[in-house]
């Protein structure tokens, strides 16, 4: 059960260091937070100028909706939308698109029954969705990289430069590194290209999608042994990793899955939003890993 509005605002403001001027609590209680106002606060607190060209837009609902609760998620699947509504949240902040294309274009599928069912649910429950991708990555440091390091507990592996995307290990076997990842990310289907006994010293990360150009450049670096990414094309970067190993290089590629490789970023975003959205609850709603192994099937209810 969610706390009362007065109790929630009081405790959240105090916990986040807000100074309560006389009448501030009463004003917060009497002025409902709208989706538009919430987005303006995000723009003010993100720490970088808001881009003119960006996918970070309101892609469902309208700015005048009164926010009851905010749900943060890596991917606003239909299942996530249903669970968010069940938790009393009608404003979803999602890292990845809810509409199956990064740019959120739906002209080619506007009559698709799945899309229409999802849109109808959002409309029926007066819900709004903010696509929050570019500016989370643009934060200093990158919000996704920070969140993933925190989720994996790898802060001690960040080098002296403070670069969260380049990590140092002391000869940890690749098999152990990936098992540790699977445990902490609660992953079922991490895929690995490389020798399980490879002694890992240097790791580069490219959370989310990693393409051919960027991925080959990273793996070609003599100082990088392992590249961890979320997803990639198998006829490009996966093939290159195989060929690099066949050529005698000490290389490995770890593919964690797109959702799990950036989910920590939205855990971070949840805490970040808490600091300046005191009027309403901010709840992290995980997007489930969509894949399963034949020998370890899962309940369809888990897939939403």
C-alpha atoms as a PDB file:
ATOM      1  CA  UNK A   1       0.000   0.000   0.000  1.00  0.00           C
ATOM      2  CA  UNK A   2       1.349   3.419  -0.956  1.00  0.00           C
ATOM      3  CA  UNK A   3       1.941   5.958   1.850  1.00  0.00           C
ATOM      4  CA  UNK A   4      -0.349   8.936   2.243  1.00  0.00           C
ATOM      5  CA  UNK A   5       0.452  11.904   0.037  1.00  0.00           C
ATOM      6  CA  UNK A   6       1.343  14.109   3.030  1.00  0.00           C
ATOM      7  CA  UNK A   7       3.566  11.463   4.651  1.00  0.00           C
ATOM      8  CA  UNK A   8       5.273  10.625   1.356  1.00  0.00           C
ATOM      9  CA  UNK A   9       6.086  14.250   0.504  1.00  0.00           C
ATOM     10  CA  UNK A  10       7.372  14.960   4.013  1.00  0.00           C
ATOM     11  CA  UNK A  11       9.664  11.937   4.248  1.00  0.00           C
ATOM     12  CA  UNK A  12      10.917  12.201   0.640  1.00  0.00           C
ATOM     13  CA  UNK A  13      11.750  15.888   0.904  1.00  0.00           C
ATOM     14  CA  UNK A  14      13.642  15.389   4.145  1.00  0.00           C
ATOM     15  CA  UNK A  15      15.498  12.292   2.907  1.00  0.00           C
ATOM     16  CA  UNK A  16      16.602  14.037  -0.273  1.00  0.00           C
ATOM     17  CA  UNK A  17      17.812  17.144   1.543  1.00  0.00           C
ATOM     18  CA  UNK A  18      15.057  19.511   0.456  1.00  0.00           C
ATOM     19  CA  UNK A  19      14.582  22.558   2.644  1.00  0.00           C
ATOM     20  CA  UNK A  20      10.952  23.005   3.631  1.00  0.00           C
ATOM     21  CA  UNK A  21      10.181  26.720   3.580  1.00  0.00           C
ATOM     22  CA  UNK A  22       7.002  27.823   5.367  1.00  0.00           C
ATOM     23  CA  UNK A  23       4.015  26.777   3.329  1.00  0.00           C
ATOM     24  CA  UNK A  24       6.080  24.635   0.919  1.00  0.00           C
ATOM     25  CA  UNK A  25       4.478  21.367   2.008  1.00  0.00           C
ATOM     26  CA  UNK A  26       0.985  22.837   1.780  1.00  0.00           C
ATOM     27  CA  UNK A  27       1.749  24.177  -1.701  1.00  0.00           C
ATOM     28  CA  UNK A  28       3.054  20.786  -2.843  1.00  0.00           C
ATOM     29  CA  UNK A  29      -0.084  19.128  -1.515  1.00  0.00           C
ATOM     30  CA  UNK A  30      -2.398  21.624  -3.173  1.00  0.00           C
ATOM     31  CA  UNK A  31      -0.654  21.666  -6.571  1.00  0.00           C
ATOM     32  CA  UNK A  32      -0.839  18.294  -8.332  1.00  0.00           C
ATOM     33  CA  UNK A  33       2.228  17.321 -10.321  1.00  0.00           C
ATOM     34  CA  UNK A  34       1.494  17.104 -14.033  1.00  0.00           C
ATOM     35  CA  UNK A  35       3.381  15.055 -16.599  1.00  0.00           C
ATOM     36  CA  UNK A  36       4.531  18.264 -18.278  1.00  0.00           C
ATOM     37  CA  UNK A  37       5.882  19.674 -15.013  1.00  0.00           C
ATOM     38  CA  UNK A  38       7.650  16.395 -14.237  1.00  0.00           C
ATOM     39  CA  UNK A  39       9.358  16.440 -17.631  1.00  0.00           C
ATOM     40  CA  UNK A  40      10.477  20.036 -17.101  1.00  0.00           C
ATOM     41  CA  UNK A  41      12.087  19.010 -13.802  1.00  0.00           C
ATOM     42  CA  UNK A  42      13.927  16.185 -15.557  1.00  0.00           C
ATOM     43  CA  UNK A  43      15.253  18.684 -18.108  1.00  0.00           C
ATOM     44  CA  UNK A  44      16.410  20.986 -15.299  1.00  0.00           C
ATOM     45  CA  UNK A  45      18.174  18.266 -13.312  1.00  0.00           C
ATOM     46  CA  UNK A  46      19.775  16.152 -16.053  1.00  0.00           C
ATOM     47  CA  UNK A  47      22.905  18.312 -15.965  1.00  0.00           C
ATOM     48  CA  UNK A  48      23.311  18.789 -19.738  1.00  0.00           C
ATOM     49  CA  UNK A  49      21.494  21.002 -22.276  1.00  0.00           C
ATOM     50  CA  UNK A  50      18.370  19.335 -23.647  1.00  0.00           C
ATOM     51  CA  UNK A  51      18.974  18.319 -27.245  1.00  0.00           C
ATOM     52  CA  UNK A  52      16.934  19.779 -30.081  1.00  0.00           C
ATOM     53  CA  UNK A  53      17.081  16.454 -31.939  1.00  0.00           C
ATOM     54  CA  UNK A  54      16.342  13.564 -29.594  1.00  0.00           C
ATOM     55  CA  UNK A  55      14.127  10.532 -29.081  1.00  0.00           C
ATOM     56  CA  UNK A  56      13.539  11.701 -25.512  1.00  0.00           C
ATOM     57  CA  UNK A  57       9.947  12.783 -25.940  1.00  0.00           C
ATOM     58  CA  UNK A  58       6.492  12.195 -24.523  1.00  0.00           C
ATOM     59  CA  UNK A  59       5.330   9.316 -26.730  1.00  0.00           C
ATOM     60  CA  UNK A  60       2.019   8.467 -25.030  1.00  0.00           C
ATOM     61  CA  UNK A  61      -0.482  10.531 -23.060  1.00  0.00           C
ATOM     62  CA  UNK A  62      -0.431  14.306 -22.695  1.00  0.00           C
ATOM     63  CA  UNK A  63       1.383  16.874 -20.514  1.00  0.00           C
ATOM     64  CA  UNK A  64      -1.758  17.782 -18.524  1.00  0.00           C
ATOM     65  CA  UNK A  65      -2.208  14.348 -16.937  1.00  0.00           C
ATOM     66  CA  UNK A  66      -1.956  14.504 -13.137  1.00  0.00           C
ATOM     67  CA  UNK A  67       0.801  12.154 -11.995  1.00  0.00           C
ATOM     68  CA  UNK A  68      -0.229   9.627  -9.343  1.00  0.00           C
ATOM     69  CA  UNK A  69       3.016   7.691  -9.384  1.00  0.00           C
ATOM     70  CA  UNK A  70       6.080   7.323 -11.604  1.00  0.00           C
ATOM     71  CA  UNK A  71       7.265   3.944 -12.850  1.00  0.00           C
ATOM     72  CA  UNK A  72      10.795   3.673 -14.211  1.00  0.00           C
ATOM     73  CA  UNK A  73      11.733   0.802 -16.485  1.00  0.00           C
ATOM     74  CA  UNK A  74      14.267  -0.327 -19.043  1.00  0.00           C
ATOM     75  CA  UNK A  75      11.570  -1.160 -21.611  1.00  0.00           C
ATOM     76  CA  UNK A  76       7.872  -0.268 -21.374  1.00  0.00           C
ATOM     77  CA  UNK A  77       6.498  -3.573 -22.585  1.00  0.00           C
ATOM     78  CA  UNK A  78       2.751  -4.167 -22.346  1.00  0.00           C
ATOM     79  CA  UNK A  79       3.446  -6.283 -19.259  1.00  0.00           C
ATOM     80  CA  UNK A  80       5.416  -3.445 -17.642  1.00  0.00           C
ATOM     81  CA  UNK A  81       2.578  -0.999 -18.408  1.00  0.00           C
ATOM     82  CA  UNK A  82       0.077  -3.320 -16.729  1.00  0.00           C
ATOM     83  CA  UNK A  83       2.271  -3.807 -13.673  1.00  0.00           C
ATOM     84  CA  UNK A  84       2.930  -0.075 -13.403  1.00  0.00           C
ATOM     85  CA  UNK A  85      -0.795   0.660 -13.485  1.00  0.00           C
ATOM     86  CA  UNK A  86      -1.348  -2.015 -10.845  1.00  0.00           C
ATOM     87  CA  UNK A  87       1.155  -0.227  -8.599  1.00  0.00           C
ATOM     88  CA  UNK A  88      -0.738   3.063  -8.948  1.00  0.00           C
ATOM     89  CA  UNK A  89       1.690   4.627 -11.445  1.00  0.00           C
ATOM     90  CA  UNK A  90       0.307   6.455 -14.468  1.00  0.00           C
ATOM     91  CA  UNK A  91       3.548   8.043 -15.720  1.00  0.00           C
ATOM     92  CA  UNK A  92       6.202   5.696 -17.099  1.00  0.00           C
ATOM     93  CA  UNK A  93       9.785   6.792 -17.712  1.00  0.00           C
ATOM     94  CA  UNK A  94      11.286   4.184 -20.044  1.00  0.00           C
ATOM     95  CA  UNK A  95      14.808   3.938 -21.400  1.00  0.00           C
ATOM     96  CA  UNK A  96      13.818   2.113 -24.589  1.00  0.00           C
ATOM     97  CA  UNK A  97      10.910   2.715 -26.917  1.00  0.00           C
ATOM     98  CA  UNK A  98       7.476   1.285 -26.093  1.00  0.00           C
ATOM     99  CA  UNK A  99       6.605   1.126 -29.802  1.00  0.00           C
ATOM    100  CA  UNK A 100       9.156  -1.248 -31.376  1.00  0.00           C
ATOM    101  CA  UNK A 101      11.367   1.323 -33.112  1.00  0.00           C
ATOM    102  CA  UNK A 102      13.997   3.596 -31.582  1.00  0.00           C
ATOM    103  CA  UNK A 103      12.506   6.687 -33.236  1.00  0.00           C
ATOM    104  CA  UNK A 104       8.971   5.718 -32.079  1.00  0.00           C
ATOM    105  CA  UNK A 105       7.550   5.869 -35.616  1.00  0.00           C
ATOM    106  CA  UNK A 106       4.338   3.860 -35.933  1.00  0.00           C
ATOM    107  CA  UNK A 107       2.931   4.876 -39.335  1.00  0.00           C
ATOM    108  CA  UNK A 108       3.677   1.476 -40.850  1.00  0.00           C
ATOM    109  CA  UNK A 109       1.951  -0.450 -38.035  1.00  0.00           C
ATOM    110  CA  UNK A 110      -0.766   1.969 -36.938  1.00  0.00           C
ATOM    111  CA  UNK A 111      -3.485  -0.689 -37.522  1.00  0.00           C
ATOM    112  CA  UNK A 112      -1.567  -3.531 -35.892  1.00  0.00           C
ATOM    113  CA  UNK A 113      -3.820  -5.174 -33.258  1.00  0.00           C
ATOM    114  CA  UNK A 114      -1.023  -5.534 -30.696  1.00  0.00           C
ATOM    115  CA  UNK A 115      -0.075  -1.865 -30.957  1.00  0.00           C
ATOM    116  CA  UNK A 116      -3.737  -0.819 -30.794  1.00  0.00           C
ATOM    117  CA  UNK A 117      -4.336  -2.948 -27.701  1.00  0.00           C
ATOM    118  CA  UNK A 118      -1.371  -1.359 -25.939  1.00  0.00           C
ATOM    119  CA  UNK A 119      -2.436   2.156 -26.914  1.00  0.00           C
ATOM    120  CA  UNK A 120      -6.007   1.457 -25.806  1.00  0.00           C
ATOM    121  CA  UNK A 121      -4.794   0.292 -22.384  1.00  0.00           C
ATOM    122  CA  UNK A 122      -2.695   3.426 -21.916  1.00  0.00           C
ATOM    123  CA  UNK A 123      -5.589   5.653 -22.970  1.00  0.00           C
ATOM    124  CA  UNK A 124      -8.128   3.826 -20.799  1.00  0.00           C
ATOM    125  CA  UNK A 125      -5.968   4.274 -17.712  1.00  0.00           C
ATOM    126  CA  UNK A 126      -4.898   7.849 -18.542  1.00  0.00           C
ATOM    127  CA  UNK A 127      -1.223   6.897 -18.655  1.00  0.00           C
ATOM    128  CA  UNK A 128       1.739   8.755 -20.145  1.00  0.00           C
ATOM    129  CA  UNK A 129       5.144   7.500 -21.285  1.00  0.00           C
ATOM    130  CA  UNK A 130       8.404   9.438 -21.558  1.00  0.00           C
ATOM    131  CA  UNK A 131      11.115   7.894 -23.728  1.00  0.00           C
ATOM    132  CA  UNK A 132      14.290   8.743 -21.759  1.00  0.00           C
ATOM    133  CA  UNK A 133      17.305   7.452 -23.638  1.00  0.00           C
ATOM    134  CA  UNK A 134      19.689  10.066 -25.000  1.00  0.00           C
ATOM    135  CA  UNK A 135      19.952  12.235 -21.920  1.00  0.00           C
ATOM    136  CA  UNK A 136      20.405   9.344 -19.497  1.00  0.00           C
ATOM    137  CA  UNK A 137      23.428   8.314 -21.557  1.00  0.00           C
ATOM    138  CA  UNK A 138      24.518  11.944 -21.834  1.00  0.00           C
ATOM    139  CA  UNK A 139      24.668  12.525 -18.078  1.00  0.00           C
ATOM    140  CA  UNK A 140      28.064  12.905 -16.410  1.00  0.00           C
ATOM    141  CA  UNK A 141      28.812  10.144 -15.746  1.00  0.00           C
ATOM    142  CA  UNK A 142      26.660   8.132 -18.173  1.00  0.00           C
ATOM    143  CA  UNK A 143      23.637   7.087 -16.091  1.00  0.00           C
ATOM    144  CA  UNK A 144      23.466   3.621 -17.643  1.00  0.00           C
ATOM    145  CA  UNK A 145      27.169   2.909 -17.069  1.00  0.00           C
ATOM    146  CA  UNK A 146      26.908   4.147 -13.482  1.00  0.00           C
ATOM    147  CA  UNK A 147      23.832   2.062 -12.773  1.00  0.00           C
ATOM    148  CA  UNK A 148      25.311  -1.094 -14.291  1.00  0.00           C
ATOM    149  CA  UNK A 149      28.562  -0.762 -12.332  1.00  0.00           C
ATOM    150  CA  UNK A 150      26.533  -0.347  -9.152  1.00  0.00           C
ATOM    151  CA  UNK A 151      24.268  -3.323  -9.912  1.00  0.00           C
ATOM    152  CA  UNK A 152      27.261  -5.555 -10.660  1.00  0.00           C
ATOM    153  CA  UNK A 153      29.228  -4.269  -7.677  1.00  0.00           C
ATOM    154  CA  UNK A 154      32.209  -3.476  -9.903  1.00  0.00           C
ATOM    155  CA  UNK A 155      33.113  -0.074  -8.485  1.00  0.00           C
ATOM    156  CA  UNK A 156      36.484  -1.457  -7.331  1.00  0.00           C
ATOM    157  CA  UNK A 157      37.325  -2.409 -10.911  1.00  0.00           C
ATOM    158  CA  UNK A 158      37.088   1.147 -12.252  1.00  0.00           C
ATOM    159  CA  UNK A 159      40.565   2.375 -13.169  1.00  0.00           C
ATOM    160  CA  UNK A 160      42.381   5.466 -12.010  1.00  0.00           C
ATOM    161  CA  UNK A 161      40.922   7.538 -14.853  1.00  0.00           C
ATOM    162  CA  UNK A 162      37.403   6.999 -13.493  1.00  0.00           C
ATOM    163  CA  UNK A 163      36.144   5.740 -16.868  1.00  0.00           C
ATOM    164  CA  UNK A 164      33.153   3.579 -15.942  1.00  0.00           C
ATOM    165  CA  UNK A 165      33.233   1.813 -19.309  1.00  0.00           C
ATOM    166  CA  UNK A 166      36.772   0.421 -18.945  1.00  0.00           C
ATOM    167  CA  UNK A 167      37.405  -1.964 -16.075  1.00  0.00           C
ATOM    168  CA  UNK A 168      40.421  -3.757 -14.655  1.00  0.00           C
ATOM    169  CA  UNK A 169      40.463  -7.292 -13.219  1.00  0.00           C
ATOM    170  CA  UNK A 170      43.278  -9.418 -11.819  1.00  0.00           C
ATOM    171  CA  UNK A 171      43.238 -12.419 -14.092  1.00  0.00           C
ATOM    172  CA  UNK A 172      39.691 -13.531 -13.275  1.00  0.00           C
ATOM    173  CA  UNK A 173      38.768 -16.513 -15.513  1.00  0.00           C
ATOM    174  CA  UNK A 174      36.214 -15.577 -18.169  1.00  0.00           C
ATOM    175  CA  UNK A 175      33.953 -18.382 -16.967  1.00  0.00           C
ATOM    176  CA  UNK A 176      33.866 -16.910 -13.453  1.00  0.00           C
ATOM    177  CA  UNK A 177      33.364 -13.357 -14.714  1.00  0.00           C
ATOM    178  CA  UNK A 178      30.311 -14.328 -16.741  1.00  0.00           C
ATOM    179  CA  UNK A 179      28.893 -16.523 -13.965  1.00  0.00           C
ATOM    180  CA  UNK A 180      29.157 -13.546 -11.618  1.00  0.00           C
ATOM    181  CA  UNK A 181      27.346 -11.390 -14.159  1.00  0.00           C
ATOM    182  CA  UNK A 182      24.580 -13.958 -14.588  1.00  0.00           C
ATOM    183  CA  UNK A 183      24.038 -14.145 -10.834  1.00  0.00           C
ATOM    184  CA  UNK A 184      23.929 -10.403 -10.235  1.00  0.00           C
ATOM    185  CA  UNK A 185      21.817  -9.634 -13.298  1.00  0.00           C
ATOM    186  CA  UNK A 186      19.577 -12.678 -12.690  1.00  0.00           C
ATOM    187  CA  UNK A 187      20.225 -13.679 -16.284  1.00  0.00           C
ATOM    188  CA  UNK A 188      19.308 -16.943 -17.978  1.00  0.00           C
ATOM    189  CA  UNK A 189      20.809 -16.486 -21.420  1.00  0.00           C
ATOM    190  CA  UNK A 190      24.116 -14.599 -21.357  1.00  0.00           C
ATOM    191  CA  UNK A 191      26.113 -15.733 -24.409  1.00  0.00           C
ATOM    192  CA  UNK A 192      29.897 -15.812 -24.577  1.00  0.00           C
ATOM    193  CA  UNK A 193      32.416 -16.034 -27.427  1.00  0.00           C
ATOM    194  CA  UNK A 194      35.869 -16.956 -26.146  1.00  0.00           C
ATOM    195  CA  UNK A 195      37.942 -19.332 -24.065  1.00  0.00           C
ATOM    196  CA  UNK A 196      36.227 -20.013 -20.712  1.00  0.00           C
ATOM    197  CA  UNK A 197      39.658 -20.137 -19.058  1.00  0.00           C
ATOM    198  CA  UNK A 198      40.857 -16.819 -20.469  1.00  0.00           C
ATOM    199  CA  UNK A 199      42.466 -14.824 -17.640  1.00  0.00           C
ATOM    200  CA  UNK A 200      40.692 -11.456 -17.769  1.00  0.00           C
ATOM    201  CA  UNK A 201      42.544  -8.247 -16.978  1.00  0.00           C
ATOM    202  CA  UNK A 202      40.920  -5.600 -19.160  1.00  0.00           C
ATOM    203  CA  UNK A 203      37.203  -5.242 -19.929  1.00  0.00           C
ATOM    204  CA  UNK A 204      35.422  -2.679 -22.090  1.00  0.00           C
ATOM    205  CA  UNK A 205      31.657  -2.259 -21.896  1.00  0.00           C
ATOM    206  CA  UNK A 206      29.166  -1.044 -24.471  1.00  0.00           C
ATOM    207  CA  UNK A 207      25.844  -1.410 -22.683  1.00  0.00           C
ATOM    208  CA  UNK A 208      22.857  -1.885 -24.952  1.00  0.00           C
ATOM    209  CA  UNK A 209      23.385  -2.249 -28.700  1.00  0.00           C
ATOM    210  CA  UNK A 210      26.939  -2.388 -30.026  1.00  0.00           C
ATOM    211  CA  UNK A 211      27.385  -2.123 -33.777  1.00  0.00           C
ATOM    212  CA  UNK A 212      30.069  -3.322 -36.154  1.00  0.00           C
ATOM    213  CA  UNK A 213      32.118  -0.123 -36.365  1.00  0.00           C
ATOM    214  CA  UNK A 214      32.273   0.675 -32.682  1.00  0.00           C
ATOM    215  CA  UNK A 215      32.575  -2.941 -31.585  1.00  0.00           C
ATOM    216  CA  UNK A 216      35.449  -3.841 -33.904  1.00  0.00           C
ATOM    217  CA  UNK A 217      37.271  -0.685 -32.881  1.00  0.00           C
ATOM    218  CA  UNK A 218      36.946  -1.632 -29.210  1.00  0.00           C
ATOM    219  CA  UNK A 219      37.998  -5.263 -29.688  1.00  0.00           C
ATOM    220  CA  UNK A 220      40.918  -4.169 -31.889  1.00  0.00           C
ATOM    221  CA  UNK A 221      42.387  -2.188 -28.989  1.00  0.00           C
ATOM    222  CA  UNK A 222      45.446  -4.142 -27.741  1.00  0.00           C
ATOM    223  CA  UNK A 223      44.519  -3.075 -24.211  1.00  0.00           C
ATOM    224  CA  UNK A 224      41.059  -4.701 -24.330  1.00  0.00           C
ATOM    225  CA  UNK A 225      40.608  -8.439 -23.826  1.00  0.00           C
ATOM    226  CA  UNK A 226      36.850  -8.639 -23.253  1.00  0.00           C
ATOM    227  CA  UNK A 227      33.993  -6.591 -24.674  1.00  0.00           C
ATOM    228  CA  UNK A 228      30.647  -6.784 -22.848  1.00  0.00           C
ATOM    229  CA  UNK A 229      27.577  -5.575 -24.728  1.00  0.00           C
ATOM    230  CA  UNK A 230      23.835  -6.047 -24.702  1.00  0.00           C
ATOM    231  CA  UNK A 231      23.228  -7.145 -28.265  1.00  0.00           C
ATOM    232  CA  UNK A 232      24.865  -7.073 -31.687  1.00  0.00           C
ATOM    233  CA  UNK A 233      24.520  -8.514 -35.184  1.00  0.00           C
ATOM    234  CA  UNK A 234      25.895 -12.031 -35.275  1.00  0.00           C
ATOM    235  CA  UNK A 235      27.251 -11.770 -38.841  1.00  0.00           C
ATOM    236  CA  UNK A 236      29.276  -8.696 -37.896  1.00  0.00           C
ATOM    237  CA  UNK A 237      30.743  -8.350 -34.402  1.00  0.00           C
ATOM    238  CA  UNK A 238      30.264 -11.993 -33.363  1.00  0.00           C
ATOM    239  CA  UNK A 239      32.035 -13.203 -36.500  1.00  0.00           C
ATOM    240  CA  UNK A 240      34.834 -10.682 -35.957  1.00  0.00           C
ATOM    241  CA  UNK A 241      35.330 -11.904 -32.373  1.00  0.00           C
ATOM    242  CA  UNK A 242      35.552 -15.497 -33.616  1.00  0.00           C
ATOM    243  CA  UNK A 243      38.076 -14.533 -36.270  1.00  0.00           C
ATOM    244  CA  UNK A 244      40.173 -12.529 -33.804  1.00  0.00           C
ATOM    245  CA  UNK A 245      40.414 -15.612 -31.589  1.00  0.00           C
ATOM    246  CA  UNK A 246      41.294 -17.814 -34.600  1.00  0.00           C
ATOM    247  CA  UNK A 247      44.012 -15.306 -35.468  1.00  0.00           C
ATOM    248  CA  UNK A 248      45.583 -15.968 -32.071  1.00  0.00           C
ATOM    249  CA  UNK A 249      44.360 -12.922 -30.172  1.00  0.00           C
ATOM    250  CA  UNK A 250      43.287 -13.151 -26.516  1.00  0.00           C
ATOM    251  CA  UNK A 251      39.787 -11.796 -27.014  1.00  0.00           C
ATOM    252  CA  UNK A 252      36.252 -12.522 -25.824  1.00  0.00           C
ATOM    253  CA  UNK A 253      32.787 -11.122 -26.437  1.00  0.00           C
ATOM    254  CA  UNK A 254      30.047 -11.279 -23.811  1.00  0.00           C
ATOM    255  CA  UNK A 255      26.447 -10.645 -24.909  1.00  0.00           C
ATOM    256  CA  UNK A 256      24.204 -10.044 -21.912  1.00  0.00           C
ATOM    257  CA  UNK A 257      20.944  -9.198 -23.701  1.00  0.00           C
ATOM    258  CA  UNK A 258      19.726  -5.653 -24.260  1.00  0.00           C
ATOM    259  CA  UNK A 259      17.291  -5.451 -21.355  1.00  0.00           C
ATOM    260  CA  UNK A 260      19.644  -6.788 -18.703  1.00  0.00           C
ATOM    261  CA  UNK A 261      22.609  -4.808 -20.019  1.00  0.00           C
ATOM    262  CA  UNK A 262      20.931  -1.458 -19.296  1.00  0.00           C
ATOM    263  CA  UNK A 263      18.445  -2.293 -16.537  1.00  0.00           C
ATOM    264  CA  UNK A 264      20.851  -1.012 -13.883  1.00  0.00           C
ATOM    265  CA  UNK A 265      20.700   2.401 -15.547  1.00  0.00           C
ATOM    266  CA  UNK A 266      17.009   2.678 -14.779  1.00  0.00           C
ATOM    267  CA  UNK A 267      17.586   1.518 -11.208  1.00  0.00           C
ATOM    268  CA  UNK A 268      19.953   4.477 -10.957  1.00  0.00           C
ATOM    269  CA  UNK A 269      17.356   6.739 -12.613  1.00  0.00           C
ATOM    270  CA  UNK A 270      14.794   5.709  -9.985  1.00  0.00           C
ATOM    271  CA  UNK A 271      16.961   7.010  -7.148  1.00  0.00           C
ATOM    272  CA  UNK A 272      17.847  10.104  -9.174  1.00  0.00           C
ATOM    273  CA  UNK A 273      14.177  10.964  -9.806  1.00  0.00           C
ATOM    274  CA  UNK A 274      13.379  10.459  -6.126  1.00  0.00           C
ATOM    275  CA  UNK A 275      15.551  13.479  -5.361  1.00  0.00           C
ATOM    276  CA  UNK A 276      13.343  16.010  -7.134  1.00  0.00           C
ATOM    277  CA  UNK A 277       9.911  14.385  -7.438  1.00  0.00           C
ATOM    278  CA  UNK A 278       8.812  14.461  -3.779  1.00  0.00           C
ATOM    279  CA  UNK A 279       5.082  14.625  -4.446  1.00  0.00           C
ATOM    280  CA  UNK A 280       4.652  11.106  -5.809  1.00  0.00           C
ATOM    281  CA  UNK A 281       6.133   7.617  -5.412  1.00  0.00           C
ATOM    282  CA  UNK A 282       8.846   6.652  -7.898  1.00  0.00           C
ATOM    283  CA  UNK A 283       8.911   2.883  -8.380  1.00  0.00           C
ATOM    284  CA  UNK A 284      11.309   0.755 -10.412  1.00  0.00           C
ATOM    285  CA  UNK A 285       9.423  -1.812 -12.507  1.00  0.00           C
ATOM    286  CA  UNK A 286      11.859  -4.265 -14.110  1.00  0.00           C
ATOM    287  CA  UNK A 287      11.400  -5.472 -17.648  1.00  0.00           C
ATOM    288  CA  UNK A 288      11.776  -9.238 -17.623  1.00  0.00           C
ATOM    289  CA  UNK A 289      14.518 -10.920 -19.641  1.00  0.00           C
ATOM    290  CA  UNK A 290      12.493 -12.173 -22.636  1.00  0.00           C
ATOM    291  CA  UNK A 291      14.532 -15.281 -23.479  1.00  0.00           C
ATOM    292  CA  UNK A 292      14.740 -18.720 -21.896  1.00  0.00           C
ATOM    293  CA  UNK A 293      16.660 -21.916 -22.552  1.00  0.00           C
ATOM    294  CA  UNK A 294      14.887 -25.081 -23.771  1.00  0.00           C
ATOM    295  CA  UNK A 295      16.096 -27.025 -20.753  1.00  0.00           C
ATOM    296  CA  UNK A 296      14.915 -24.272 -18.413  1.00  0.00           C
ATOM    297  CA  UNK A 297      11.498 -23.072 -19.622  1.00  0.00           C
ATOM    298  CA  UNK A 298       9.674 -20.338 -17.728  1.00  0.00           C
ATOM    299  CA  UNK A 299       6.041 -19.536 -17.033  1.00  0.00           C
ATOM    300  CA  UNK A 300       4.336 -17.493 -19.747  1.00  0.00           C
ATOM    301  CA  UNK A 301       3.056 -15.184 -17.007  1.00  0.00           C
ATOM    302  CA  UNK A 302       6.652 -14.062 -16.479  1.00  0.00           C
ATOM    303  CA  UNK A 303       6.762 -12.890 -20.087  1.00  0.00           C
ATOM    304  CA  UNK A 304       3.602 -10.854 -19.637  1.00  0.00           C
END
